Amino acid sequence: DFAKRDLRWCLGNLQYLKLLDLPDLKPMSRFQLVWAILMFLGL
């Protein structure tokens, strides 16, 4: 059950790849999206 939830989060975080070009984000906010992607790419 944990893995099932984790994989849903993984897919959701990888979707951020399509959101990195959102305009006018704060640098810290853009970093947070990148960091959320790396959390799963690192595995």
PDB file of all heavy atoms in Angstrom:
ATOM      1  N   ASP A   1       0.836  -1.206   0.000  1.00  0.00           N
ATOM      2  CA  ASP A   1       0.000   0.000   0.000  1.00  0.00           C
ATOM      3  C   ASP A   1       0.871   1.256   0.000  1.00  0.00           C
ATOM      4  O   ASP A   1       0.540   2.244  -0.665  1.00  0.00           O
ATOM      5  CB  ASP A   1      -0.924   0.001   1.217  1.00  0.00           C
ATOM      6  CG  ASP A   1      -1.999  -1.059   1.139  1.00  0.00           C
ATOM      7  OD1 ASP A   1      -2.798  -1.009   0.190  1.00  0.00           O
ATOM      8  OD2 ASP A   1      -2.036  -1.936   2.005  1.00  0.00           O
ATOM      9  N   PHE A   2       1.963   1.205   0.728  1.00  0.00           N
ATOM     10  CA  PHE A   2       2.888   2.332   0.733  1.00  0.00           C
ATOM     11  C   PHE A   2       3.448   2.564  -0.665  1.00  0.00           C
ATOM     12  O   PHE A   2       3.528   3.703  -1.143  1.00  0.00           O
ATOM     13  CB  PHE A   2       4.027   2.055   1.722  1.00  0.00           C
ATOM     14  CG  PHE A   2       5.087   3.110   1.731  1.00  0.00           C
ATOM     15  CD1 PHE A   2       4.968   4.231   2.537  1.00  0.00           C
ATOM     16  CD2 PHE A   2       6.226   2.989   0.929  1.00  0.00           C
ATOM     17  CE1 PHE A   2       5.950   5.217   2.541  1.00  0.00           C
ATOM     18  CE2 PHE A   2       7.204   3.959   0.931  1.00  0.00           C
ATOM     19  CZ  PHE A   2       7.069   5.081   1.748  1.00  0.00           C
ATOM     20  N   ALA A   3       3.839   1.491  -1.336  1.00  0.00           N
ATOM     21  CA  ALA A   3       4.403   1.617  -2.676  1.00  0.00           C
ATOM     22  C   ALA A   3       3.379   2.182  -3.650  1.00  0.00           C
ATOM     23  O   ALA A   3       3.711   2.996  -4.515  1.00  0.00           O
ATOM     24  CB  ALA A   3       4.897   0.252  -3.157  1.00  0.00           C
ATOM     25  N   LYS A   4       2.133   1.770  -3.495  1.00  0.00           N
ATOM     26  CA  LYS A   4       1.080   2.273  -4.383  1.00  0.00           C
ATOM     27  C   LYS A   4       0.944   3.787  -4.252  1.00  0.00           C
ATOM     28  O   LYS A   4       0.845   4.518  -5.252  1.00  0.00           O
ATOM     29  CB  LYS A   4      -0.248   1.580  -4.027  1.00  0.00           C
ATOM     30  CG  LYS A   4      -1.319   1.639  -5.100  1.00  0.00           C
ATOM     31  CD  LYS A   4      -2.571   0.878  -4.657  1.00  0.00           C
ATOM     32  CE  LYS A   4      -2.267  -0.576  -4.373  1.00  0.00           C
ATOM     33  NZ  LYS A   4      -3.481  -1.337  -3.981  1.00  0.00           N
ATOM     34  N   ARG A   5       0.947   4.275  -3.024  1.00  0.00           N
ATOM     35  CA  ARG A   5       0.867   5.726  -2.799  1.00  0.00           C
ATOM     36  C   ARG A   5       2.118   6.420  -3.309  1.00  0.00           C
ATOM     37  O   ARG A   5       2.056   7.491  -3.931  1.00  0.00           O
ATOM     38  CB  ARG A   5       0.676   6.002  -1.306  1.00  0.00           C
ATOM     39  CG  ARG A   5       0.464   7.471  -0.975  1.00  0.00           C
ATOM     40  CD  ARG A   5       0.415   7.714   0.524  1.00  0.00           C
ATOM     41  NE  ARG A   5       1.728   7.562   1.157  1.00  0.00           N
ATOM     42  CZ  ARG A   5       1.977   7.855   2.437  1.00  0.00           C
ATOM     43  NH1 ARG A   5       1.007   8.287   3.224  1.00  0.00           N
ATOM     44  NH2 ARG A   5       3.186   7.685   2.939  1.00  0.00           N
ATOM     45  N   ASP A   6       3.267   5.803  -3.066  1.00  0.00           N
ATOM     46  CA  ASP A   6       4.538   6.402  -3.461  1.00  0.00           C
ATOM     47  C   ASP A   6       4.636   6.544  -4.985  1.00  0.00           C
ATOM     48  O   ASP A   6       5.154   7.548  -5.495  1.00  0.00           O
ATOM     49  CB  ASP A   6       5.688   5.546  -2.935  1.00  0.00           C
ATOM     50  CG  ASP A   6       6.906   6.368  -2.575  1.00  0.00           C
ATOM     51  OD1 ASP A   6       6.719   7.474  -2.035  1.00  0.00           O
ATOM     52  OD2 ASP A   6       8.033   5.916  -2.822  1.00  0.00           O
ATOM     53  N   LEU A   7       4.124   5.565  -5.704  1.00  0.00           N
ATOM     54  CA  LEU A   7       4.191   5.621  -7.169  1.00  0.00           C
ATOM     55  C   LEU A   7       3.270   6.706  -7.717  1.00  0.00           C
ATOM     56  O   LEU A   7       3.578   7.331  -8.739  1.00  0.00           O
ATOM     57  CB  LEU A   7       3.826   4.256  -7.764  1.00  0.00           C
ATOM     58  CG  LEU A   7       4.783   3.109  -7.411  1.00  0.00           C
ATOM     59  CD1 LEU A   7       4.367   1.826  -8.107  1.00  0.00           C
ATOM     60  CD2 LEU A   7       6.221   3.463  -7.738  1.00  0.00           C
ATOM     61  N   ARG A   8       2.140   6.930  -7.053  1.00  0.00           N
ATOM     62  CA  ARG A   8       1.280   8.037  -7.478  1.00  0.00           C
ATOM     63  C   ARG A   8       1.990   9.366  -7.279  1.00  0.00           C
ATOM     64  O   ARG A   8       1.938  10.250  -8.133  1.00  0.00           O
ATOM     65  CB  ARG A   8      -0.035   8.006  -6.686  1.00  0.00           C
ATOM     66  CG  ARG A   8      -1.075   8.990  -7.230  1.00  0.00           C
ATOM     67  CD  ARG A   8      -2.406   8.875  -6.517  1.00  0.00           C
ATOM     68  NE  ARG A   8      -2.345   9.401  -5.167  1.00  0.00           N
ATOM     69  CZ  ARG A   8      -2.569   8.694  -4.062  1.00  0.00           C
ATOM     70  NH1 ARG A   8      -2.852   7.413  -4.146  1.00  0.00           N
ATOM     71  NH2 ARG A   8      -2.504   9.254  -2.867  1.00  0.00           N
ATOM     72  N   TRP A   9       2.698   9.500  -6.159  1.00  0.00           N
ATOM     73  CA  TRP A   9       3.478  10.720  -5.926  1.00  0.00           C
ATOM     74  C   TRP A   9       4.608  10.835  -6.946  1.00  0.00           C
ATOM     75  O   TRP A   9       4.923  11.936  -7.421  1.00  0.00           O
ATOM     76  CB  TRP A   9       4.064  10.692  -4.512  1.00  0.00           C
ATOM     77  CG  TRP A   9       3.062  10.889  -3.429  1.00  0.00           C
ATOM     78  CD1 TRP A   9       1.743  11.229  -3.575  1.00  0.00           C
ATOM     79  CD2 TRP A   9       3.281  10.752  -2.020  1.00  0.00           C
ATOM     80  NE1 TRP A   9       1.135  11.318  -2.340  1.00  0.00           N
ATOM     81  CE2 TRP A   9       2.050  11.034  -1.378  1.00  0.00           C
ATOM     82  CE3 TRP A   9       4.384  10.427  -1.253  1.00  0.00           C
ATOM     83  CZ2 TRP A   9       1.903  10.986  -0.001  1.00  0.00           C
ATOM     84  CZ3 TRP A   9       4.245  10.387   0.122  1.00  0.00           C
ATOM     85  CH2 TRP A   9       3.015  10.661   0.745  1.00  0.00           C
ATOM     86  N   CYS A  10       5.228   9.715  -7.277  1.00  0.00           N
ATOM     87  CA  CYS A  10       6.319   9.720  -8.261  1.00  0.00           C
ATOM     88  C   CYS A  10       5.821  10.256  -9.594  1.00  0.00           C
ATOM     89  O   CYS A  10       6.446  11.150 -10.193  1.00  0.00           O
ATOM     90  CB  CYS A  10       6.867   8.305  -8.420  1.00  0.00           C
ATOM     91  SG  CYS A  10       8.097   8.129  -9.729  1.00  0.00           S
ATOM     92  N   LEU A  11       4.701   9.731 -10.070  1.00  0.00           N
ATOM     93  CA  LEU A  11       4.153  10.206 -11.344  1.00  0.00           C
ATOM     94  C   LEU A  11       3.803  11.679 -11.255  1.00  0.00           C
ATOM     95  O   LEU A  11       4.111  12.464 -12.172  1.00  0.00           O
ATOM     96  CB  LEU A  11       2.908   9.382 -11.713  1.00  0.00           C
ATOM     97  CG  LEU A  11       2.147   9.849 -12.957  1.00  0.00           C
ATOM     98  CD1 LEU A  11       3.065   9.863 -14.174  1.00  0.00           C
ATOM     99  CD2 LEU A  11       0.930   8.964 -13.203  1.00  0.00           C
ATOM    100  N   GLY A  12       3.176  12.087 -10.159  1.00  0.00           N
ATOM    101  CA  GLY A  12       2.807  13.493 -10.005  1.00  0.00           C
ATOM    102  C   GLY A  12       4.019  14.403 -10.013  1.00  0.00           C
ATOM    103  O   GLY A  12       4.002  15.474 -10.641  1.00  0.00           O
ATOM    104  N   ASN A  13       5.100  14.001  -9.329  1.00  0.00           N
ATOM    105  CA  ASN A  13       6.305  14.829  -9.303  1.00  0.00           C
ATOM    106  C   ASN A  13       6.982  14.885 -10.670  1.00  0.00           C
ATOM    107  O   ASN A  13       7.523  15.923 -11.066  1.00  0.00           O
ATOM    108  CB  ASN A  13       7.281  14.307  -8.253  1.00  0.00           C
ATOM    109  CG  ASN A  13       6.863  14.677  -6.842  1.00  0.00           C
ATOM    110  OD1 ASN A  13       5.698  14.942  -6.576  1.00  0.00           O
ATOM    111  ND2 ASN A  13       7.806  14.691  -5.925  1.00  0.00           N
ATOM    112  N   LEU A  14       6.963  13.781 -11.414  1.00  0.00           N
ATOM    113  CA  LEU A  14       7.566  13.792 -12.743  1.00  0.00           C
ATOM    114  C   LEU A  14       6.793  14.683 -13.702  1.00  0.00           C
ATOM    115  O   LEU A  14       7.358  15.202 -14.675  1.00  0.00           O
ATOM    116  CB  LEU A  14       7.667  12.371 -13.285  1.00  0.00           C
ATOM    117  CG  LEU A  14       8.642  11.446 -12.561  1.00  0.00           C
ATOM    118  CD1 LEU A  14       8.625  10.056 -13.172  1.00  0.00           C
ATOM    119  CD2 LEU A  14      10.052  12.014 -12.589  1.00  0.00           C
ATOM    120  N   GLN A  15       5.512  14.885 -13.438  1.00  0.00           N
ATOM    121  CA  GLN A  15       4.736  15.816 -14.268  1.00  0.00           C
ATOM    122  C   GLN A  15       5.266  17.248 -14.164  1.00  0.00           C
ATOM    123  O   GLN A  15       5.026  18.063 -15.054  1.00  0.00           O
ATOM    124  CB  GLN A  15       3.261  15.791 -13.855  1.00  0.00           C
ATOM    125  CG  GLN A  15       2.519  14.534 -14.282  1.00  0.00           C
ATOM    126  CD  GLN A  15       1.064  14.579 -13.850  1.00  0.00           C
ATOM    127  OE1 GLN A  15       0.751  14.779 -12.674  1.00  0.00           O
ATOM    128  NE2 GLN A  15       0.161  14.411 -14.798  1.00  0.00           N
ATOM    129  N   TYR A  16       6.003  17.531 -13.087  1.00  0.00           N
ATOM    130  CA  TYR A  16       6.573  18.874 -12.931  1.00  0.00           C
ATOM    131  C   TYR A  16       7.559  19.197 -14.049  1.00  0.00           C
ATOM    132  O   TYR A  16       7.865  20.377 -14.272  1.00  0.00           O
ATOM    133  CB  TYR A  16       7.286  19.006 -11.583  1.00  0.00           C
ATOM    134  CG  TYR A  16       6.398  18.892 -10.367  1.00  0.00           C
ATOM    135  CD1 TYR A  16       6.944  18.784  -9.096  1.00  0.00           C
ATOM    136  CD2 TYR A  16       5.008  18.880 -10.471  1.00  0.00           C
ATOM    137  CE1 TYR A  16       6.145  18.680  -7.960  1.00  0.00           C
ATOM    138  CE2 TYR A  16       4.202  18.765  -9.353  1.00  0.00           C
ATOM    139  CZ  TYR A  16       4.776  18.661  -8.101  1.00  0.00           C
ATOM    140  OH  TYR A  16       3.982  18.556  -6.983  1.00  0.00           O
ATOM    141  N   LEU A  17       8.052  18.176 -14.748  1.00  0.00           N
ATOM    142  CA  LEU A  17       8.936  18.427 -15.886  1.00  0.00           C
ATOM    143  C   LEU A  17       8.265  19.333 -16.913  1.00  0.00           C
ATOM    144  O   LEU A  17       8.932  20.089 -17.622  1.00  0.00           O
ATOM    145  CB  LEU A  17       9.343  17.104 -16.538  1.00  0.00           C
ATOM    146  CG  LEU A  17      10.330  16.227 -15.746  1.00  0.00           C
ATOM    147  CD1 LEU A  17      10.352  14.815 -16.301  1.00  0.00           C
ATOM    148  CD2 LEU A  17      11.720  16.844 -15.760  1.00  0.00           C
ATOM    149  N   LYS A  18       6.946  19.240 -16.993  1.00  0.00           N
ATOM    150  CA  LYS A  18       6.201  20.057 -17.950  1.00  0.00           C
ATOM    151  C   LYS A  18       5.785  21.404 -17.370  1.00  0.00           C
ATOM    152  O   LYS A  18       5.098  22.177 -18.044  1.00  0.00           O
ATOM    153  CB  LYS A  18       4.961  19.294 -18.426  1.00  0.00           C
ATOM    154  CG  LYS A  18       5.293  18.023 -19.207  1.00  0.00           C
ATOM    155  CD  LYS A  18       4.067  17.478 -19.918  1.00  0.00           C
ATOM    156  CE  LYS A  18       4.448  16.311 -20.818  1.00  0.00           C
ATOM    157  NZ  LYS A  18       3.317  15.867 -21.681  1.00  0.00           N
ATOM    158  N   LEU A  19       6.190  21.673 -16.130  1.00  0.00           N
ATOM    159  CA  LEU A  19       5.795  22.923 -15.479  1.00  0.00           C
ATOM    160  C   LEU A  19       6.993  23.818 -15.151  1.00  0.00           C
ATOM    161  O   LEU A  19       6.804  24.902 -14.590  1.00  0.00           O
ATOM    162  CB  LEU A  19       5.038  22.608 -14.177  1.00  0.00           C
ATOM    163  CG  LEU A  19       3.694  21.899 -14.338  1.00  0.00           C
ATOM    164  CD1 LEU A  19       3.202  21.379 -12.997  1.00  0.00           C
ATOM    165  CD2 LEU A  19       2.654  22.827 -14.950  1.00  0.00           C
ATOM    166  N   LEU A  20       8.181  23.379 -15.494  1.00  0.00           N
ATOM    167  CA  LEU A  20       9.368  24.148 -15.126  1.00  0.00           C
ATOM    168  C   LEU A  20       9.456  25.483 -15.845  1.00  0.00           C
ATOM    169  O   LEU A  20      10.191  26.383 -15.415  1.00  0.00           O
ATOM    170  CB  LEU A  20      10.631  23.325 -15.418  1.00  0.00           C
ATOM    171  CG  LEU A  20      10.809  22.063 -14.563  1.00  0.00           C
ATOM    172  CD1 LEU A  20      12.063  21.312 -14.965  1.00  0.00           C
ATOM    173  CD2 LEU A  20      10.845  22.422 -13.082  1.00  0.00           C
ATOM    174  N   ASP A  21       8.720  25.619 -16.952  1.00  0.00           N
ATOM    175  CA  ASP A  21       8.753  26.890 -17.692  1.00  0.00           C
ATOM    176  C   ASP A  21       7.597  27.818 -17.320  1.00  0.00           C
ATOM    177  O   ASP A  21       7.334  28.791 -18.030  1.00  0.00           O
ATOM    178  CB  ASP A  21       8.739  26.635 -19.195  1.00  0.00           C
ATOM    179  CG  ASP A  21       7.480  25.882 -19.652  1.00  0.00           C
ATOM    180  OD1 ASP A  21       6.755  25.379 -18.774  1.00  0.00           O
ATOM    181  OD2 ASP A  21       7.256  25.792 -20.867  1.00  0.00           O
ATOM    182  N   LEU A  22       6.900  27.529 -16.204  1.00  0.00           N
ATOM    183  CA  LEU A  22       5.850  28.447 -15.764  1.00  0.00           C
ATOM    184  C   LEU A  22       6.444  29.844 -15.583  1.00  0.00           C
ATOM    185  O   LEU A  22       7.492  29.999 -14.947  1.00  0.00           O
ATOM    186  CB  LEU A  22       5.242  27.971 -14.437  1.00  0.00           C
ATOM    187  CG  LEU A  22       4.239  26.822 -14.499  1.00  0.00           C
ATOM    188  CD1 LEU A  22       3.886  26.361 -13.085  1.00  0.00           C
ATOM    189  CD2 LEU A  22       2.975  27.224 -15.246  1.00  0.00           C
ATOM    190  N   PRO A  23       5.806  30.874 -16.108  1.00  0.00           N
ATOM    191  CA  PRO A  23       6.406  32.211 -16.049  1.00  0.00           C
ATOM    192  C   PRO A  23       6.339  32.833 -14.658  1.00  0.00           C
ATOM    193  O   PRO A  23       5.436  32.542 -13.867  1.00  0.00           O
ATOM    194  CB  PRO A  23       5.563  33.020 -17.048  1.00  0.00           C
ATOM    195  CG  PRO A  23       4.233  32.331 -17.069  1.00  0.00           C
ATOM    196  CD  PRO A  23       4.537  30.867 -16.865  1.00  0.00           C
ATOM    197  N   ASP A  24       7.328  33.674 -14.371  1.00  0.00           N
ATOM    198  CA  ASP A  24       7.340  34.563 -13.199  1.00  0.00           C
ATOM    199  C   ASP A  24       7.403  33.842 -11.861  1.00  0.00           C
ATOM    200  O   ASP A  24       7.069  34.429 -10.823  1.00  0.00           O
ATOM    201  CB  ASP A  24       6.111  35.493 -13.215  1.00  0.00           C
ATOM    202  CG  ASP A  24       6.035  36.329 -14.476  1.00  0.00           C
ATOM    203  OD1 ASP A  24       7.098  36.770 -14.949  1.00  0.00           O
ATOM    204  OD2 ASP A  24       4.920  36.527 -14.991  1.00  0.00           O
ATOM    205  N   LEU A  25       7.835  32.582 -11.846  1.00  0.00           N
ATOM    206  CA  LEU A  25       8.006  31.913 -10.559  1.00  0.00           C
ATOM    207  C   LEU A  25       9.224  32.477  -9.849  1.00  0.00           C
ATOM    208  O   LEU A  25      10.206  32.875 -10.470  1.00  0.00           O
ATOM    209  CB  LEU A  25       8.193  30.402 -10.745  1.00  0.00           C
ATOM    210  CG  LEU A  25       7.023  29.585 -11.258  1.00  0.00           C
ATOM    211  CD1 LEU A  25       7.397  28.110 -11.260  1.00  0.00           C
ATOM    212  CD2 LEU A  25       5.767  29.813 -10.435  1.00  0.00           C
ATOM    213  N   LYS A  26       9.176  32.484  -8.519  1.00  0.00           N
ATOM    214  CA  LYS A  26      10.338  32.845  -7.734  1.00  0.00           C
ATOM    215  C   LYS A  26      11.430  31.782  -7.945  1.00  0.00           C
ATOM    216  O   LYS A  26      11.114  30.593  -8.117  1.00  0.00           O
ATOM    217  CB  LYS A  26       9.989  32.919  -6.241  1.00  0.00           C
ATOM    218  CG  LYS A  26       8.957  33.984  -5.889  1.00  0.00           C
ATOM    219  CD  LYS A  26       9.548  35.371  -6.010  1.00  0.00           C
ATOM    220  CE  LYS A  26       8.537  36.442  -5.617  1.00  0.00           C
ATOM    221  NZ  LYS A  26       9.082  37.796  -5.796  1.00  0.00           N
ATOM    222  N   PRO A  27      12.701  32.185  -7.950  1.00  0.00           N
ATOM    223  CA  PRO A  27      13.760  31.179  -8.109  1.00  0.00           C
ATOM    224  C   PRO A  27      13.653  30.040  -7.096  1.00  0.00           C
ATOM    225  O   PRO A  27      13.868  28.872  -7.436  1.00  0.00           O
ATOM    226  CB  PRO A  27      15.041  31.996  -7.904  1.00  0.00           C
ATOM    227  CG  PRO A  27      14.670  33.392  -8.302  1.00  0.00           C
ATOM    228  CD  PRO A  27      13.239  33.556  -7.883  1.00  0.00           C
ATOM    229  N   MET A  28      13.300  30.381  -5.854  1.00  0.00           N
ATOM    230  CA  MET A  28      13.159  29.354  -4.836  1.00  0.00           C
ATOM    231  C   MET A  28      12.015  28.399  -5.185  1.00  0.00           C
ATOM    232  O   MET A  28      12.117  27.179  -4.970  1.00  0.00           O
ATOM    233  CB  MET A  28      12.903  30.018  -3.481  1.00  0.00           C
ATOM    234  CG  MET A  28      12.837  29.060  -2.317  1.00  0.00           C
ATOM    235  SD  MET A  28      14.429  28.284  -1.993  1.00  0.00           S
ATOM    236  CE  MET A  28      13.911  26.997  -0.871  1.00  0.00           C
ATOM    237  N   SER A  29      10.936  28.926  -5.729  1.00  0.00           N
ATOM    238  CA  SER A  29       9.799  28.088  -6.106  1.00  0.00           C
ATOM    239  C   SER A  29      10.171  27.150  -7.255  1.00  0.00           C
ATOM    240  O   SER A  29       9.799  25.966  -7.261  1.00  0.00           O
ATOM    241  CB  SER A  29       8.611  28.960  -6.512  1.00  0.00           C
ATOM    242  OG  SER A  29       8.158  29.740  -5.431  1.00  0.00           O
ATOM    243  N   ARG A  30      10.910  27.660  -8.230  1.00  0.00           N
ATOM    244  CA  ARG A  30      11.326  26.808  -9.343  1.00  0.00           C
ATOM    245  C   ARG A  30      12.277  25.707  -8.849  1.00  0.00           C
ATOM    246  O   ARG A  30      12.224  24.568  -9.310  1.00  0.00           O
ATOM    247  CB  ARG A  30      11.993  27.664 -10.429  1.00  0.00           C
ATOM    248  CG  ARG A  30      11.818  27.090 -11.840  1.00  0.00           C
ATOM    249  CD  ARG A  30      12.396  28.009 -12.898  1.00  0.00           C
ATOM    250  NE  ARG A  30      11.735  29.298 -12.962  1.00  0.00           N
ATOM    251  CZ  ARG A  30      10.603  29.544 -13.613  1.00  0.00           C
ATOM    252  NH1 ARG A  30      10.001  28.546 -14.253  1.00  0.00           N
ATOM    253  NH2 ARG A  30      10.071  30.749 -13.645  1.00  0.00           N
ATOM    254  N   PHE A  31      13.143  26.081  -7.900  1.00  0.00           N
ATOM    255  CA  PHE A  31      14.031  25.082  -7.301  1.00  0.00           C
ATOM    256  C   PHE A  31      13.223  23.973  -6.637  1.00  0.00           C
ATOM    257  O   PHE A  31      13.572  22.783  -6.728  1.00  0.00           O
ATOM    258  CB  PHE A  31      14.954  25.749  -6.281  1.00  0.00           C
ATOM    259  CG  PHE A  31      15.655  24.775  -5.378  1.00  0.00           C
ATOM    260  CD1 PHE A  31      16.763  24.075  -5.815  1.00  0.00           C
ATOM    261  CD2 PHE A  31      15.191  24.539  -4.086  1.00  0.00           C
ATOM    262  CE1 PHE A  31      17.405  23.158  -4.987  1.00  0.00           C
ATOM    263  CE2 PHE A  31      15.819  23.637  -3.259  1.00  0.00           C
ATOM    264  CZ  PHE A  31      16.938  22.933  -3.711  1.00  0.00           C
ATOM    265  N   GLN A  32      12.127  24.330  -5.963  1.00  0.00           N
ATOM    266  CA  GLN A  32      11.317  23.323  -5.280  1.00  0.00           C
ATOM    267  C   GLN A  32      10.743  22.304  -6.261  1.00  0.00           C
ATOM    268  O   GLN A  32      10.661  21.112  -5.959  1.00  0.00           O
ATOM    269  CB  GLN A  32      10.192  24.007  -4.492  1.00  0.00           C
ATOM    270  CG  GLN A  32      10.688  24.736  -3.254  1.00  0.00           C
ATOM    271  CD  GLN A  32       9.588  25.556  -2.593  1.00  0.00           C
ATOM    272  OE1 GLN A  32       8.776  26.193  -3.278  1.00  0.00           O
ATOM    273  NE2 GLN A  32       9.564  25.561  -1.281  1.00  0.00           N
ATOM    274  N   LEU A  33      10.343  22.768  -7.440  1.00  0.00           N
ATOM    275  CA  LEU A  33       9.830  21.840  -8.449  1.00  0.00           C
ATOM    276  C   LEU A  33      10.939  20.917  -8.941  1.00  0.00           C
ATOM    277  O   LEU A  33      10.731  19.706  -9.096  1.00  0.00           O
ATOM    278  CB  LEU A  33       9.219  22.620  -9.620  1.00  0.00           C
ATOM    279  CG  LEU A  33       7.991  23.479  -9.301  1.00  0.00           C
ATOM    280  CD1 LEU A  33       7.490  24.173 -10.563  1.00  0.00           C
ATOM    281  CD2 LEU A  33       6.869  22.652  -8.690  1.00  0.00           C
ATOM    282  N   VAL A  34      12.115  21.485  -9.200  1.00  0.00           N
ATOM    283  CA  VAL A  34      13.247  20.666  -9.637  1.00  0.00           C
ATOM    284  C   VAL A  34      13.603  19.649  -8.562  1.00  0.00           C
ATOM    285  O   VAL A  34      13.868  18.470  -8.848  1.00  0.00           O
ATOM    286  CB  VAL A  34      14.458  21.562  -9.962  1.00  0.00           C
ATOM    287  CG1 VAL A  34      15.698  20.706 -10.234  1.00  0.00           C
ATOM    288  CG2 VAL A  34      14.165  22.454 -11.161  1.00  0.00           C
ATOM    289  N   TRP A  35      13.601  20.096  -7.317  1.00  0.00           N
ATOM    290  CA  TRP A  35      13.971  19.220  -6.213  1.00  0.00           C
ATOM    291  C   TRP A  35      12.974  18.076  -6.059  1.00  0.00           C
ATOM    292  O   TRP A  35      13.363  16.940  -5.758  1.00  0.00           O
ATOM    293  CB  TRP A  35      14.069  20.034  -4.929  1.00  0.00           C
ATOM    294  CG  TRP A  35      14.921  19.368  -3.906  1.00  0.00           C
ATOM    295  CD1 TRP A  35      14.531  18.870  -2.705  1.00  0.00           C
ATOM    296  CD2 TRP A  35      16.316  19.102  -4.005  1.00  0.00           C
ATOM    297  NE1 TRP A  35      15.594  18.318  -2.047  1.00  0.00           N
ATOM    298  CE2 TRP A  35      16.713  18.448  -2.826  1.00  0.00           C
ATOM    299  CE3 TRP A  35      17.276  19.364  -4.987  1.00  0.00           C
ATOM    300  CZ2 TRP A  35      18.010  18.043  -2.595  1.00  0.00           C
ATOM    301  CZ3 TRP A  35      18.576  18.965  -4.757  1.00  0.00           C
ATOM    302  CH2 TRP A  35      18.927  18.315  -3.571  1.00  0.00           C
ATOM    303  N   ALA A  36      11.687  18.364  -6.269  1.00  0.00           N
ATOM    304  CA  ALA A  36      10.668  17.317  -6.181  1.00  0.00           C
ATOM    305  C   ALA A  36      10.869  16.268  -7.277  1.00  0.00           C
ATOM    306  O   ALA A  36      10.635  15.070  -7.050  1.00  0.00           O
ATOM    307  CB  ALA A  36       9.274  17.935  -6.292  1.00  0.00           C
ATOM    308  N   ILE A  37      11.315  16.706  -8.446  1.00  0.00           N
ATOM    309  CA  ILE A  37      11.618  15.762  -9.528  1.00  0.00           C
ATOM    310  C   ILE A  37      12.824  14.905  -9.164  1.00  0.00           C
ATOM    311  O   ILE A  37      12.811  13.678  -9.317  1.00  0.00           O
ATOM    312  CB  ILE A  37      11.872  16.532 -10.840  1.00  0.00           C
ATOM    313  CG1 ILE A  37      10.612  17.275 -11.288  1.00  0.00           C
ATOM    314  CG2 ILE A  37      12.343  15.580 -11.942  1.00  0.00           C
ATOM    315  CD1 ILE A  37      10.850  18.279 -12.397  1.00  0.00           C
ATOM    316  N   LEU A  38      13.879  15.547  -8.646  1.00  0.00           N
ATOM    317  CA  LEU A  38      15.103  14.816  -8.305  1.00  0.00           C
ATOM    318  C   LEU A  38      14.866  13.792  -7.200  1.00  0.00           C
ATOM    319  O   LEU A  38      15.574  12.785  -7.124  1.00  0.00           O
ATOM    320  CB  LEU A  38      16.191  15.793  -7.864  1.00  0.00           C
ATOM    321  CG  LEU A  38      16.959  16.512  -8.980  1.00  0.00           C
ATOM    322  CD1 LEU A  38      17.956  17.488  -8.383  1.00  0.00           C
ATOM    323  CD2 LEU A  38      17.667  15.504  -9.882  1.00  0.00           C
ATOM    324  N   MET A  39      13.880  14.038  -6.345  1.00  0.00           N
ATOM    325  CA  MET A  39      13.596  13.103  -5.264  1.00  0.00           C
ATOM    326  C   MET A  39      13.333  11.708  -5.815  1.00  0.00           C
ATOM    327  O   MET A  39      13.732  10.701  -5.221  1.00  0.00           O
ATOM    328  CB  MET A  39      12.393  13.585  -4.450  1.00  0.00           C
ATOM    329  CG  MET A  39      12.004  12.658  -3.314  1.00  0.00           C
ATOM    330  SD  MET A  39      10.717  13.320  -2.253  1.00  0.00           S
ATOM    331  CE  MET A  39       9.296  13.210  -3.328  1.00  0.00           C
ATOM    332  N   PHE A  40      12.674  11.638  -6.969  1.00  0.00           N
ATOM    333  CA  PHE A  40      12.373  10.330  -7.556  1.00  0.00           C
ATOM    334  C   PHE A  40      13.372   9.932  -8.631  1.00  0.00           C
ATOM    335  O   PHE A  40      13.647   8.739  -8.801  1.00  0.00           O
ATOM    336  CB  PHE A  40      10.945  10.328  -8.104  1.00  0.00           C
ATOM    337  CG  PHE A  40       9.903  10.263  -7.021  1.00  0.00           C
ATOM    338  CD1 PHE A  40       9.227  11.400  -6.608  1.00  0.00           C
ATOM    339  CD2 PHE A  40       9.623   9.074  -6.383  1.00  0.00           C
ATOM    340  CE1 PHE A  40       8.289  11.347  -5.591  1.00  0.00           C
ATOM    341  CE2 PHE A  40       8.683   9.002  -5.357  1.00  0.00           C
ATOM    342  CZ  PHE A  40       8.017  10.148  -4.964  1.00  0.00           C
ATOM    343  N   LEU A  41      13.945  10.879  -9.373  1.00  0.00           N
ATOM    344  CA  LEU A  41      14.961  10.522 -10.359  1.00  0.00           C
ATOM    345  C   LEU A  41      16.188   9.910  -9.692  1.00  0.00           C
ATOM    346  O   LEU A  41      16.903   9.107 -10.286  1.00  0.00           O
ATOM    347  CB  LEU A  41      15.388  11.757 -11.163  1.00  0.00           C
ATOM    348  CG  LEU A  41      14.417  12.267 -12.227  1.00  0.00           C
ATOM    349  CD1 LEU A  41      15.018  13.461 -12.952  1.00  0.00           C
ATOM    350  CD2 LEU A  41      14.069  11.159 -13.217  1.00  0.00           C
ATOM    351  N   GLY A  42      16.452  10.303  -8.442  1.00  0.00           N
ATOM    352  CA  GLY A  42      17.601   9.762  -7.738  1.00  0.00           C
ATOM    353  C   GLY A  42      17.473   8.285  -7.418  1.00  0.00           C
ATOM    354  O   GLY A  42      18.490   7.588  -7.255  1.00  0.00           O
ATOM    355  N   LEU A  43      16.233   7.754  -7.340  1.00  0.00           N
ATOM    356  CA  LEU A  43      16.054   6.351  -6.953  1.00  0.00           C
ATOM    357  C   LEU A  43      16.532   5.381  -8.024  1.00  0.00           C
ATOM    358  O   LEU A  43      17.275   4.437  -7.725  1.00  0.00           O
ATOM    359  CB  LEU A  43      14.591   6.105  -6.585  1.00  0.00           C
ATOM    360  CG  LEU A  43      14.088   6.924  -5.383  1.00  0.00           C
ATOM    361  CD1 LEU A  43      12.631   6.612  -5.090  1.00  0.00           C
ATOM    362  CD2 LEU A  43      14.943   6.657  -4.146  1.00  0.00           C
TER     363      LEU A  43
END
